[in-house]
N, C-alpha and C. Protein backbone atom coordinates (compact mmCIF):
# COMPACT_ATOMS: atom_id res chain seq x y z
N MET A 1 36.27 5.45 -3.70
CA MET A 1 35.54 4.42 -3.00
C MET A 1 34.45 5.03 -2.12
N GLU A 2 34.79 6.13 -1.49
CA GLU A 2 33.82 6.79 -0.62
C GLU A 2 32.63 7.32 -1.42
N LYS A 3 32.91 7.85 -2.61
CA LYS A 3 31.83 8.35 -3.47
C LYS A 3 30.89 7.23 -3.87
N LEU A 4 31.45 6.06 -4.16
CA LEU A 4 30.63 4.93 -4.56
C LEU A 4 29.70 4.49 -3.43
N LEU A 5 30.19 4.52 -2.20
CA LEU A 5 29.36 4.15 -1.06
C LEU A 5 28.21 5.14 -0.88
N VAL A 6 28.50 6.41 -1.07
CA VAL A 6 27.46 7.43 -0.94
C VAL A 6 26.41 7.24 -2.03
N ILE A 7 26.86 7.05 -3.25
CA ILE A 7 25.93 6.85 -4.37
C ILE A 7 25.12 5.58 -4.17
N ALA A 8 25.76 4.50 -3.74
CA ALA A 8 25.05 3.25 -3.48
C ALA A 8 24.02 3.42 -2.36
N GLY A 9 24.38 4.17 -1.34
CA GLY A 9 23.44 4.42 -0.24
C GLY A 9 22.23 5.21 -0.69
N ILE A 10 22.45 6.21 -1.52
CA ILE A 10 21.35 7.03 -2.02
C ILE A 10 20.43 6.19 -2.90
N TRP A 11 21.00 5.38 -3.80
CA TRP A 11 20.20 4.51 -4.66
C TRP A 11 19.41 3.50 -3.84
N THR A 12 20.03 2.97 -2.80
CA THR A 12 19.34 2.00 -1.94
C THR A 12 18.15 2.65 -1.25
N MET A 13 18.34 3.85 -0.74
CA MET A 13 17.24 4.55 -0.08
C MET A 13 16.11 4.86 -1.06
N CYS A 14 16.45 5.28 -2.26
CA CYS A 14 15.42 5.56 -3.27
C CYS A 14 14.65 4.29 -3.62
N ALA A 15 15.37 3.18 -3.78
CA ALA A 15 14.71 1.92 -4.12
C ALA A 15 13.79 1.47 -2.99
N LEU A 16 14.25 1.56 -1.75
CA LEU A 16 13.41 1.17 -0.61
C LEU A 16 12.17 2.04 -0.51
N CYS A 17 12.34 3.33 -0.71
CA CYS A 17 11.18 4.23 -0.65
C CYS A 17 10.17 3.88 -1.75
N ALA A 18 10.65 3.58 -2.94
CA ALA A 18 9.75 3.20 -4.04
C ALA A 18 9.01 1.91 -3.70
N VAL A 19 9.72 0.92 -3.18
CA VAL A 19 9.08 -0.35 -2.83
C VAL A 19 8.04 -0.16 -1.75
N PHE A 20 8.38 0.58 -0.71
CA PHE A 20 7.42 0.79 0.38
C PHE A 20 6.21 1.60 -0.09
N PHE A 21 6.43 2.56 -0.96
CA PHE A 21 5.32 3.36 -1.48
C PHE A 21 4.38 2.49 -2.31
N ILE A 22 4.95 1.66 -3.18
CA ILE A 22 4.12 0.80 -4.03
C ILE A 22 3.38 -0.23 -3.19
N ARG A 23 4.04 -0.81 -2.20
CA ARG A 23 3.38 -1.79 -1.34
C ARG A 23 2.28 -1.15 -0.52
N GLY A 24 2.48 0.08 -0.09
CA GLY A 24 1.46 0.77 0.69
C GLY A 24 0.29 1.23 -0.16
N ALA A 25 0.54 1.48 -1.43
CA ALA A 25 -0.51 1.98 -2.30
C ALA A 25 -1.44 0.87 -2.77
N THR A 26 -1.00 -0.38 -2.71
CA THR A 26 -1.84 -1.50 -3.13
C THR A 26 -2.33 -2.23 -1.89
N ALA A 27 -3.63 -2.39 -1.79
CA ALA A 27 -4.21 -3.08 -0.63
C ALA A 27 -4.09 -4.58 -0.82
N PRO A 28 -3.81 -5.30 0.25
CA PRO A 28 -3.79 -6.76 0.14
C PRO A 28 -5.19 -7.30 -0.15
N ASP A 29 -5.27 -8.52 -0.66
CA ASP A 29 -6.55 -9.12 -1.04
C ASP A 29 -7.52 -9.18 0.14
N GLU A 30 -7.04 -9.52 1.34
CA GLU A 30 -7.91 -9.59 2.50
C GLU A 30 -8.56 -8.24 2.79
N ARG A 31 -7.77 -7.20 2.70
CA ARG A 31 -8.29 -5.85 2.98
C ARG A 31 -9.33 -5.45 1.94
N ARG A 32 -9.08 -5.81 0.68
CA ARG A 32 -10.04 -5.49 -0.37
C ARG A 32 -11.36 -6.20 -0.11
N MET A 33 -11.28 -7.47 0.27
CA MET A 33 -12.51 -8.23 0.53
C MET A 33 -13.26 -7.65 1.72
N ASN A 34 -12.53 -7.27 2.76
CA ASN A 34 -13.19 -6.67 3.93
C ASN A 34 -13.86 -5.36 3.57
N LEU A 35 -13.22 -4.57 2.73
CA LEU A 35 -13.82 -3.30 2.30
C LEU A 35 -15.08 -3.54 1.48
N LYS A 36 -15.05 -4.57 0.62
CA LYS A 36 -16.23 -4.88 -0.19
C LYS A 36 -17.37 -5.36 0.70
N ARG A 37 -17.05 -6.20 1.68
CA ARG A 37 -18.09 -6.69 2.60
C ARG A 37 -18.70 -5.53 3.39
N ALA A 38 -17.87 -4.63 3.86
CA ALA A 38 -18.36 -3.49 4.63
C ALA A 38 -19.27 -2.61 3.76
N ALA A 39 -18.88 -2.42 2.52
CA ALA A 39 -19.69 -1.59 1.62
C ALA A 39 -21.03 -2.27 1.37
N ARG A 40 -21.02 -3.59 1.18
CA ARG A 40 -22.28 -4.31 0.94
C ARG A 40 -23.19 -4.23 2.16
N SER A 41 -22.62 -4.38 3.34
CA SER A 41 -23.45 -4.34 4.54
C SER A 41 -24.02 -2.95 4.77
N GLU A 42 -23.27 -1.91 4.41
CA GLU A 42 -23.78 -0.55 4.54
C GLU A 42 -24.94 -0.32 3.58
N VAL A 43 -24.81 -0.85 2.36
CA VAL A 43 -25.89 -0.71 1.39
C VAL A 43 -27.12 -1.47 1.87
N ALA A 44 -26.91 -2.66 2.41
CA ALA A 44 -28.03 -3.45 2.92
C ALA A 44 -28.70 -2.75 4.09
N ASP A 45 -27.92 -2.10 4.93
CA ASP A 45 -28.49 -1.38 6.07
C ASP A 45 -29.33 -0.19 5.60
N THR A 46 -28.87 0.52 4.59
CA THR A 46 -29.61 1.69 4.12
C THR A 46 -30.87 1.27 3.38
N VAL A 47 -30.83 0.14 2.68
CA VAL A 47 -32.01 -0.34 1.96
C VAL A 47 -33.05 -0.85 2.94
N GLY A 48 -32.59 -1.47 4.04
CA GLY A 48 -33.50 -2.02 5.03
C GLY A 48 -34.26 -0.95 5.81
N ASN A 49 -33.73 0.25 5.87
CA ASN A 49 -34.38 1.32 6.66
C ASN A 49 -35.46 1.99 5.92
């Protein structure tokens, strides 16, 4: 029984790490739009100069 708890704990930690890594690696839609807007404004600023 003790071995099963250890194995379950290790699997749980691996699964959580994978989920957090994947969620952190993908930007939310709002962040993507803000990055696109910032890039456009930088291009507009450099063209205007």
